[in-house]
Protein backbone atom coordinates (compact mmCIF):
# COMPACT_ATOMS: atom_id res chain seq x y z
CA MET A 1 15.65 -21.61 10.23
CA ASP A 2 13.01 -23.98 9.82
CA SER A 3 11.91 -24.30 12.77
CA LEU A 4 11.44 -20.45 12.86
CA THR A 5 10.14 -20.22 9.36
CA HIS A 6 7.32 -22.45 10.35
CA TYR A 7 7.19 -20.49 13.82
CA VAL A 8 6.19 -17.66 11.54
CA THR A 9 4.00 -19.07 9.01
CA GLN A 10 1.32 -20.56 11.90
CA LEU A 11 1.12 -17.42 13.34
CA ASN A 12 0.62 -15.81 9.73
CA SER A 13 -2.29 -18.31 9.30
CA ILE A 14 -3.96 -16.92 12.45
CA VAL A 15 -3.50 -13.52 11.94
CA TRP A 16 -4.71 -13.46 8.42
CA GLY A 17 -7.33 -16.41 9.32
CA PRO A 18 -11.27 -15.56 9.53
CA ALA A 19 -11.28 -12.87 12.12
CA MET A 20 -9.33 -11.02 10.79
CA LEU A 21 -10.85 -11.17 7.54
CA VAL A 22 -13.80 -10.32 8.93
CA LEU A 23 -12.44 -7.50 10.57
CA ILE A 24 -10.84 -5.87 7.01
CA LEU A 25 -13.91 -5.98 5.80
CA GLY A 26 -16.33 -5.65 8.31
CA THR A 27 -15.10 -2.47 9.00
CA GLY A 28 -15.04 -1.45 5.60
CA ILE A 29 -18.46 -2.47 5.15
CA TYR A 30 -19.45 -0.08 8.12
CA LEU A 31 -17.55 2.91 6.93
CA MET A 32 -19.49 2.58 3.47
CA LEU A 33 -22.62 2.21 4.58
CA GLY A 34 -22.05 4.82 7.20
CA LEU A 35 -20.70 7.44 4.87
CA LYS A 36 -23.59 6.74 2.88
CA LEU A 37 -21.42 5.20 0.01
CA ILE A 38 -19.31 8.71 -0.49
CA PRO A 39 -16.30 7.23 -1.53
CA PHE A 40 -18.35 5.90 -4.30
CA ARG A 41 -20.34 8.91 -5.18
CA LYS A 42 -17.51 11.37 -4.68
CA LEU A 43 -15.09 9.65 -6.33
CA ILE A 44 -15.30 12.45 -9.53
CA TYR A 45 -15.48 14.95 -7.07
CA GLY A 46 -12.05 13.19 -5.34
CA PHE A 47 -10.76 13.44 -8.92
CA ARG A 48 -11.44 17.62 -8.77
CA MET A 49 -9.94 17.75 -5.62
CA LEU A 50 -6.74 16.10 -6.49
CA TRP A 51 -6.27 18.54 -10.08
CA GLN A 52 -6.67 21.40 -7.16
CA GLY A 53 -4.90 20.47 -4.83
CA ARG A 54 -1.59 20.29 -6.79
CA GLN A 55 -1.11 24.45 -5.35
CA SER A 56 -2.99 24.76 -1.55
CA SER A 57 -2.33 27.47 0.78
CA GLY A 58 -3.50 25.57 4.07
CA ASP A 59 -1.94 24.28 7.28
CA GLY A 60 0.35 21.66 6.31
CA ASP A 61 4.24 20.63 4.86
CA ILE A 62 3.52 19.49 1.37
CA THR A 63 0.38 19.91 -1.34
CA PRO A 64 -2.25 17.79 -1.10
CA PHE A 65 -1.40 15.91 -4.76
CA ASN A 66 1.92 15.39 -3.05
CA ALA A 67 0.69 13.79 -0.22
CA LEU A 68 -1.26 11.34 -2.36
CA MET A 69 1.62 11.11 -4.60
CA THR A 70 3.79 10.39 -1.17
CA SER A 71 1.40 7.55 0.20
CA LEU A 72 0.90 5.85 -3.75
CA SER A 73 4.44 5.99 -3.49
CA ALA A 74 4.64 3.20 -0.67
CA THR A 75 1.78 1.44 -2.06
CA ILE A 76 2.48 1.14 -6.00
CA GLY A 77 5.24 -1.30 -5.55
CA THR A 78 5.78 -5.08 -5.32
CA GLY A 79 2.06 -5.48 -4.31
CA ASN A 80 1.42 -4.27 -7.68
CA ILE A 81 3.66 -6.62 -9.76
CA ALA A 82 4.86 -9.01 -7.03
CA GLY A 83 2.17 -9.33 -4.78
CA VAL A 84 -0.66 -9.84 -7.18
CA ALA A 85 1.31 -12.80 -8.77
CA THR A 86 1.56 -14.41 -5.77
CA ALA A 87 -2.12 -14.12 -5.05
CA ILE A 88 -3.10 -15.90 -8.27
CA PHE A 89 -0.37 -18.00 -7.74
CA LEU A 90 -2.05 -19.39 -4.41
CA GLY A 91 -5.72 -18.19 -4.51
CA GLY A 92 -6.20 -18.70 -8.29
CA PRO A 93 -7.39 -16.35 -10.35
CA GLY A 94 -10.55 -15.62 -8.19
CA ALA A 95 -7.77 -14.20 -5.41
CA LEU A 96 -7.86 -10.79 -7.80
CA PHE A 97 -11.61 -10.33 -7.58
CA TRP A 98 -11.41 -10.50 -3.24
CA MET A 99 -8.47 -7.75 -4.08
CA TRP A 100 -11.23 -5.96 -6.25
CA CYS A 101 -13.54 -5.80 -3.30
CA THR A 102 -10.79 -5.29 -0.80
CA ALA A 103 -10.04 -2.66 -2.94
CA LEU A 104 -13.35 -1.06 -3.02
CA LEU A 105 -14.21 -1.25 0.44
CA GLY A 106 -10.57 0.03 1.20
CA MET A 107 -12.20 2.90 -0.24
CA ALA A 108 -14.05 4.23 2.44
CA THR A 109 -11.54 2.58 5.15
CA LYS A 110 -9.10 5.00 3.42
CA TYR A 111 -10.60 7.89 3.38
CA ALA A 112 -11.59 7.48 7.48
CA GLU A 113 -7.89 7.35 8.04
CA ALA A 114 -7.30 10.41 6.07
CA VAL A 115 -9.77 12.42 8.01
CA CYS A 116 -8.79 11.17 11.67
CA ALA A 117 -5.07 11.72 9.82
CA VAL A 118 -5.54 15.59 9.63
CA HIS A 119 -8.32 16.19 11.91
CA PHE A 120 -5.85 14.94 15.15
CA ARG A 121 -2.48 15.72 13.33
CA GLU A 122 0.28 17.46 15.81
CA VAL A 123 2.91 20.14 15.22
CA ASP A 124 6.39 18.68 16.42
CA GLU A 125 9.45 20.11 17.95
CA GLY A 126 11.14 20.64 14.53
CA GLY A 127 7.84 22.65 12.91
CA ASN A 128 6.77 19.82 11.29
CA TYR A 129 3.08 18.24 10.71
CA ILE A 130 3.04 14.76 12.28
CA GLY A 131 -0.03 12.28 12.62
CA GLY A 132 -1.09 9.03 11.89
CA PRO A 133 -3.33 6.22 13.42
CA MET A 134 -0.89 6.51 16.77
CA TYR A 135 -1.69 10.32 16.85
CA TYR A 136 -5.39 9.70 16.49
CA ILE A 137 -5.73 7.07 18.90
CA LYS A 138 -3.72 9.42 21.48
CA ASN A 139 -5.81 12.72 20.59
CA GLY A 140 -9.18 10.93 19.55
CA LEU A 141 -9.31 8.53 21.90
CA LYS A 142 -9.48 8.05 25.90
CA SER A 143 -6.08 7.30 27.92
CA ARG A 144 -7.10 3.81 28.45
CA TRP A 145 -6.69 3.37 24.33
CA ALA A 146 -3.12 4.34 24.48
CA TRP A 147 -1.44 1.52 24.03
CA LEU A 148 -2.91 0.56 20.86
CA GLY A 149 -1.16 3.61 19.59
CA THR A 150 1.96 1.96 20.83
CA LEU A 151 1.19 -1.04 19.39
CA PHE A 152 0.87 0.46 16.02
CA ALA A 153 3.75 2.39 16.32
CA LEU A 154 6.01 -0.43 17.46
CA PHE A 155 4.30 -2.75 14.64
CA GLY A 156 4.98 0.21 12.20
CA ALA A 157 8.51 0.45 12.80
CA ILE A 158 9.53 -3.11 12.90
CA ALA A 159 7.14 -3.63 9.85
CA GLY A 160 8.94 -1.40 7.64
CA PHE A 161 12.19 -2.97 7.65
CA GLY A 162 10.02 -5.85 6.06
CA ILE A 163 7.28 -4.64 3.74
CA GLY A 164 8.69 -0.95 2.68
CA ASN A 165 12.65 -1.76 3.19
CA THR A 166 14.20 -5.58 2.48
CA VAL A 167 11.71 -6.73 0.33
CA GLN A 168 11.69 -3.79 -2.10
CA ALA A 169 15.20 -4.09 -2.29
CA ASN A 170 15.58 -7.76 -3.22
CA SER A 171 13.03 -7.53 -5.84
CA VAL A 172 14.23 -4.56 -7.67
CA ALA A 173 17.60 -6.34 -7.03
CA ASP A 174 16.32 -9.74 -8.13
CA VAL A 175 14.29 -8.19 -11.66
CA LEU A 176 17.44 -6.11 -12.70
CA ASN A 177 19.90 -9.05 -11.98
CA THR A 178 17.44 -11.56 -14.00
CA GLU A 179 17.03 -8.80 -17.06
CA PHE A 180 20.08 -6.96 -17.41
CA GLY A 181 23.06 -8.98 -15.77
CA VAL A 182 23.14 -6.23 -12.89
CA PRO A 183 24.83 -7.40 -9.27
CA THR A 184 22.77 -7.57 -6.45
CA TRP A 185 24.97 -5.87 -4.03
CA ALA A 186 25.71 -3.51 -6.67
CA THR A 187 22.03 -2.60 -7.05
CA GLY A 188 21.85 -2.88 -3.18
CA VAL A 189 24.42 -0.11 -2.52
CA ILE A 190 22.91 2.54 -5.52
CA LEU A 191 19.64 1.82 -4.03
CA ALA A 192 21.14 2.99 -0.37
CA LEU A 193 23.31 5.71 -1.59
CA LEU A 194 19.78 7.20 -3.82
CA VAL A 195 17.81 6.72 -0.85
CA GLY A 196 20.23 8.72 1.79
CA LEU A 197 20.53 11.48 -0.39
CA VAL A 198 16.65 12.12 -0.50
CA LEU A 199 16.45 11.34 2.59
CA ILE A 200 18.33 14.46 3.92
CA GLY A 201 15.44 16.54 2.99
CA GLY A 202 12.47 14.53 4.99
CA ILE A 203 9.50 14.73 3.62
CA ARG A 204 9.70 18.26 1.81
CA TRP A 205 12.39 15.79 -0.51
CA ILE A 206 10.51 12.88 -0.74
CA ALA A 207 7.38 14.47 -1.78
CA GLU A 208 8.92 15.99 -4.55
CA VAL A 209 10.53 13.18 -5.51
CA ALA A 210 7.33 10.79 -5.35
CA GLY A 211 4.97 13.57 -7.16
CA LYS A 212 7.40 13.55 -10.47
CA LEU A 213 8.16 9.86 -10.22
CA VAL A 214 4.91 8.04 -9.43
CA PRO A 215 2.78 9.92 -12.14
CA PHE A 216 5.40 8.95 -14.59
CA MET A 217 5.96 5.36 -13.78
CA GLY A 218 2.61 4.53 -13.38
CA ILE A 219 1.39 6.07 -16.69
CA ALA A 220 3.96 4.23 -18.69
CA TYR A 221 3.61 1.38 -16.52
CA VAL A 222 -0.66 1.47 -16.60
CA SER A 223 0.11 2.36 -21.09
CA GLY A 224 2.77 -0.85 -21.28
CA GLY A 225 -0.26 -3.07 -19.69
CA LEU A 226 -3.00 -1.38 -21.50
CA ILE A 227 -1.53 -2.16 -24.97
CA ILE A 228 -1.21 -5.79 -24.07
CA LEU A 229 -4.87 -5.60 -23.12
CA VAL A 230 -5.90 -4.08 -26.35
CA ILE A 231 -3.34 -6.67 -28.04
CA HIS A 232 -5.62 -9.49 -26.76
CA ALA A 233 -8.95 -7.56 -26.05
CA ALA A 234 -10.81 -10.60 -27.29
CA GLU A 235 -8.98 -13.11 -24.45
CA ILE A 236 -10.43 -10.15 -21.86
CA PRO A 237 -14.40 -11.76 -21.17
CA GLN A 238 -12.72 -15.07 -21.37
CA ALA A 239 -10.42 -14.16 -18.45
CA LEU A 240 -12.89 -12.26 -16.65
CA ASN A 241 -15.54 -15.07 -16.67
CA LEU A 242 -12.38 -17.36 -14.66
CA ILE A 243 -11.90 -14.56 -12.13
CA PHE A 244 -15.56 -14.34 -11.26
CA THR A 245 -15.93 -18.59 -10.93
CA SER A 246 -12.71 -19.02 -9.78
CA ALA A 247 -14.15 -16.33 -6.97
CA PHE A 248 -16.71 -18.50 -5.37
CA THR A 249 -15.84 -22.48 -6.59
CA PRO A 250 -12.14 -24.18 -6.57
CA VAL A 251 -10.17 -24.07 -9.41
CA ALA A 252 -8.35 -27.35 -10.69
CA ALA A 253 -4.75 -28.23 -10.50
CA THR A 254 -3.40 -27.18 -14.32
CA GLY A 255 -0.11 -27.15 -15.51
CA GLY A 256 1.97 -25.77 -13.12
CA PHE A 257 -0.41 -24.54 -10.93
CA ALA A 258 -1.61 -26.59 -7.66
CA GLY A 259 -4.95 -25.70 -7.45
CA ALA A 260 -7.22 -23.66 -4.92
CA ALA A 261 -9.74 -23.67 -2.68
CA VAL A 262 -12.28 -21.01 -2.78
CA TRP A 263 -11.15 -19.73 1.20
CA ALA A 264 -7.16 -19.84 -0.74
CA ALA A 265 -8.97 -17.15 -3.49
CA ILE A 266 -10.43 -15.03 -0.25
CA ARG A 267 -7.41 -15.64 2.02
CA PHE A 268 -5.15 -14.54 -0.12
CA GLY A 269 -6.91 -12.11 -2.28
CA VAL A 270 -7.71 -10.07 0.68
CA ALA A 271 -3.93 -10.23 2.38
CA ARG A 272 -2.16 -9.46 -0.96
CA GLY A 273 -4.99 -6.93 -1.69
CA ILE A 274 -3.90 -5.02 1.51
CA PHE A 275 0.03 -5.65 1.27
CA SER A 276 -0.98 -3.77 -2.11
CA ASN A 277 -3.38 -0.66 -1.66
CA GLU A 278 -2.41 -0.70 2.56
CA ALA A 279 -6.37 0.48 2.96
CA GLY A 280 -6.70 -0.26 6.84
CA LEU A 281 -3.20 -0.85 7.44
CA GLY A 282 -3.13 2.78 9.50
CA SER A 283 0.55 3.32 6.49
CA ALA A 284 -0.91 6.12 3.94
CA PRO A 285 -2.76 8.97 7.13
CA ILE A 286 1.17 9.35 7.45
CA ALA A 287 1.97 11.07 4.96
CA GLN A 288 -1.67 12.52 4.39
CA ALA A 289 -1.43 14.56 7.93
CA THR A 290 1.67 16.72 6.61
CA ALA A 291 -0.69 18.01 3.46
CA ARG A 292 -1.56 21.48 3.48
CA THR A 293 -5.15 21.94 3.98
CA ASN A 294 -7.39 23.27 6.56
CA SER A 295 -10.25 20.12 5.84
CA PRO A 296 -9.58 16.50 6.95
CA VAL A 297 -12.78 15.76 4.66
CA ARG A 298 -11.03 17.86 1.18
CA GLN A 299 -8.06 15.46 2.50
CA GLY A 300 -10.22 12.15 2.89
CA VAL A 301 -11.94 12.61 -0.67
CA ILE A 302 -7.82 12.78 -2.06
CA ALA A 303 -6.71 10.34 -0.13
CA MET A 304 -9.06 7.15 -1.30
CA LEU A 305 -7.99 7.79 -4.73
CA GLU A 306 -5.19 5.73 -3.73
CA THR A 307 -6.86 2.36 -3.15
CA PHE A 308 -8.91 3.09 -6.15
CA ILE A 309 -5.49 4.04 -8.70
CA ASP A 310 -3.51 0.99 -7.14
CA THR A 311 -5.51 -1.66 -6.99
CA ILE A 312 -8.50 -1.00 -9.21
CA ILE A 313 -6.71 0.40 -11.89
CA VAL A 314 -2.79 -1.34 -11.50
CA CYS A 315 -3.25 -4.72 -10.03
CA SER A 316 -6.19 -5.39 -12.57
CA ILE A 317 -4.09 -4.32 -15.44
CA THR A 318 -1.11 -7.09 -14.34
CA GLY A 319 -3.48 -9.70 -13.22
CA LEU A 320 -5.43 -9.61 -16.41
CA VAL A 321 -2.36 -9.68 -18.11
CA ILE A 322 -0.81 -12.78 -16.46
CA ILE A 323 -4.57 -14.51 -16.56
CA ILE A 324 -4.93 -13.54 -20.46
CA SER A 325 -0.90 -14.55 -21.09
CA GLY A 326 -1.74 -18.20 -19.37
CA ALA A 327 1.59 -17.68 -17.06
CA TRP A 328 -0.60 -18.05 -14.12
CA THR A 329 0.01 -21.85 -15.08
CA SER A 330 3.63 -22.45 -15.57
CA GLY A 331 4.21 -22.37 -11.86
CA ALA A 332 6.18 -19.46 -11.43
CA THR A 333 5.06 -17.12 -8.76
CA GLY A 334 5.85 -13.32 -7.30
CA ALA A 335 7.40 -10.35 -9.93
CA SER A 336 8.78 -13.23 -11.94
CA LEU A 337 6.09 -14.33 -13.00
CA SER A 338 4.51 -11.05 -13.69
CA SER A 339 7.22 -10.33 -15.98
CA MET A 340 6.89 -14.03 -17.99
CA ALA A 341 3.43 -12.30 -18.59
CA PHE A 342 4.44 -9.68 -20.00
CA GLU A 343 6.96 -11.00 -21.84
CA LEU A 344 4.63 -13.42 -23.37
CA ALA A 345 1.61 -10.98 -24.40
CA LEU A 346 4.38 -8.34 -25.44
CA PRO A 347 7.78 -10.01 -26.75
CA ASN A 348 10.83 -8.36 -26.11
CA PHE A 349 9.04 -5.71 -24.84
CA GLY A 350 7.17 -7.16 -21.66
CA GLY A 351 9.39 -8.09 -19.46
CA TYR A 352 11.28 -4.99 -19.63
CA ILE A 353 8.22 -2.61 -18.73
CA VAL A 354 8.04 -5.31 -15.46
CA ALA A 355 11.69 -4.67 -14.40
CA LEU A 356 11.76 -1.08 -14.97
CA GLY A 357 8.33 -0.70 -13.53
CA SER A 358 9.70 -2.98 -10.47
CA ALA A 359 12.89 -0.80 -9.80
CA VAL A 360 10.85 2.81 -9.66
CA PHE A 361 8.42 1.28 -8.05
CA ALA A 362 10.31 -0.10 -5.32
CA PHE A 363 12.81 3.14 -5.18
CA THR A 364 9.48 5.35 -4.45
CA THR A 365 8.41 2.58 -2.00
CA LEU A 366 11.69 2.41 0.10
CA LEU A 367 11.08 6.23 0.03
CA GLY A 368 7.92 6.33 1.16
CA TRP A 369 7.75 3.95 4.13
CA SER A 370 11.36 5.37 5.06
CA PHE A 371 8.73 8.65 5.84
CA TYR A 372 6.23 5.80 8.01
CA GLY A 373 8.57 4.37 10.05
CA GLU A 374 10.70 7.36 10.94
CA LYS A 375 7.19 8.78 12.70
CA CYS A 376 6.74 5.68 13.96
CA VAL A 377 9.99 5.84 15.67
CA GLN A 378 9.61 9.44 16.64
CA PHE A 379 6.38 8.35 18.53
CA LEU A 380 8.35 6.19 20.47
CA PHE A 381 11.49 7.69 21.06
CA GLY A 382 11.23 11.12 20.23
CA PHE A 383 12.30 13.88 18.17
CA LYS A 384 15.73 12.58 18.21
CA SER A 385 15.77 9.18 17.10
CA ILE A 386 15.33 10.46 13.80
CA ILE A 387 18.95 10.43 12.50
CA THR A 388 19.71 7.13 14.02
CA PHE A 389 16.59 6.27 11.82
CA ARG A 390 17.03 7.41 8.46
CA LEU A 391 20.93 5.86 9.02
CA LEU A 392 19.61 2.35 10.32
CA TRP A 393 17.26 2.34 7.05
CA VAL A 394 20.04 3.54 4.77
CA LEU A 395 22.44 0.04 5.74
CA VAL A 396 19.78 -2.45 5.53
CA ILE A 397 18.92 -2.01 2.27
CA PRO A 398 22.19 -3.33 0.69
CA ILE A 399 21.03 -6.47 3.11
CA GLY A 400 17.81 -6.94 1.59
CA ALA A 401 18.69 -6.61 -1.48
CA MET A 402 21.43 -9.31 -1.37
CA GLY A 403 19.48 -11.45 0.93
CA ASP A 404 17.42 -14.66 0.68
CA LEU A 405 14.03 -13.28 2.07
CA GLY A 406 11.32 -16.23 1.73
CA ILE A 407 10.97 -15.97 5.75
CA ILE A 408 10.97 -11.91 5.48
CA TRP A 409 7.86 -12.25 2.98
CA ILE A 410 5.87 -14.24 5.85
CA ILE A 411 6.89 -11.83 8.33
CA ALA A 412 6.02 -8.68 6.30
CA ASP A 413 2.80 -10.19 5.92
CA THR A 414 2.51 -11.16 9.36
CA LEU A 415 3.49 -7.93 10.67
CA ASN A 416 0.62 -5.83 7.96
CA ALA A 417 -1.72 -7.65 10.03
CA LEU A 418 -0.19 -6.85 13.51
CA MET A 419 -0.52 -2.90 12.47
CA ALA A 420 -4.38 -2.93 11.17
CA ILE A 421 -5.34 -4.41 14.23
CA PRO A 422 -4.89 -1.27 16.30
CA ASN A 423 -5.52 1.16 13.43
CA LEU A 424 -9.21 -0.56 12.17
CA ILE A 425 -10.26 -0.90 16.59
CA ALA A 426 -10.19 3.13 16.42
CA LEU A 427 -11.56 3.58 13.03
CA LEU A 428 -14.48 2.29 14.85
CA LEU A 429 -14.30 3.82 17.67
CA LEU A 430 -14.06 7.58 15.95
CA SER A 431 -16.71 6.98 13.55
CA PRO A 432 -18.66 9.02 14.77
CA ILE A 433 -16.59 11.88 14.66
CA ILE A 434 -15.91 10.75 11.06
CA PHE A 435 -19.06 10.84 10.01
CA LYS A 436 -20.27 13.58 11.84
CA LEU A 437 -17.04 15.67 10.18
CA THR A 438 -18.40 14.49 6.61
CA ARG A 439 -22.00 15.24 7.18
CA ASP A 440 -20.89 19.05 8.14
CA TYR A 441 -18.42 19.29 5.37
CA PHE A 442 -21.14 18.30 2.63
CA ASN A 443 -24.03 20.55 4.52
CA GLY A 444 -21.65 23.17 3.52
CA GLU A 445 -19.86 23.67 7.06
CA HIS A 446 -16.20 23.40 5.72
CA ALA A 447 -14.61 24.58 8.82
CA GLY A 448 -10.83 23.29 9.57
CA SER A 449 -9.27 21.18 12.48
CA PRO A 450 -8.09 21.95 15.69
CA LEU A 451 -4.57 21.80 15.59
CA GLN A 452 -3.63 19.33 18.43
CA LYS A 453 -0.46 20.89 20.21
CA LYS A 454 2.18 18.66 22.14
């Protein structure tokens, strides 16, 4: 087991090395400039389209609003609570700065993913709308690039059982056991039953549950964090100064913090930023492709809000509370560090905010990623594989809840990078189409996109 852990750790350091960071950040910069800063200029427009998207009569399976809530259900989860804490533990406070950079550039990447997902989507034999990187590679690029789509689907199908299943189940089981004494096996069984019941209805049921739970729990978690920040408002300038300083200078060891170089802040800030908001990963466009819309661009401006909400708002609140409370020097990491920070900053209540937030966020992530994994498996093995996948997905949840997932975290992190590579290559190759669709839309030519036929 030790040798396997060593091998996976070595592979992780390679895939998350300088080349990967250049590819992620470079793609975001290229798309942002090619789009002429539209993710920034059209941010308010995006929120307006989101509000209007609660009702929609276009082609698709679910409303644009619920499409965003479904993708948010998969991103607002362990990454916002445990992921931010782990980034700060490994890279110091400066890691939060690099998470912000990843998110701002990731808005352009997420926009491009959604545009391609809607433009190149298909209808399967069950009458459901399907899309995502494997389909925009298949339908948008020449046949010689088909292997990229297969690679993405393969990595996505496997990665889902890590980032979207076992890691989530383990996190919620751990926090409920710590805060309320709930046995991990009981959490695993209850989660499996609840997820199984929702999966019976497919994307429509997943979207309905996500559309109600994500806004409710997101607002509750953010409100709790904001209360802490208001109480400790005088310490925010010092915390921000520490974040910006640590992003460019090494942080010395202090308390239980082992110290971190600038490279660690960049590496873990970017890696955990991607783990949290999934910009460039290629997962979110699988949900965006199901939206009831005839305009790829309109769905794109809605989709880019996911990265803004997930990282700029939710992750920032978690990170600031961790730094302001002083818990980042305790030596704790993961969800335990976030829980400790909230409890220190808001005694008797803070720990419960993290516990309940972790539980609900992990549950919705289990739902969102079940759909992502299902569509990857369907692309590889056909429509009839869906039932088998759903059964396997539910059965793995209790195993994740009760297991020791140290190596699973590393494997999930590695598979994230392996998913991102074919997706980012595809976005770069398809960028002329993305730019043209965007120009046409904002020049008043709001024509819909052709639906791909199977």
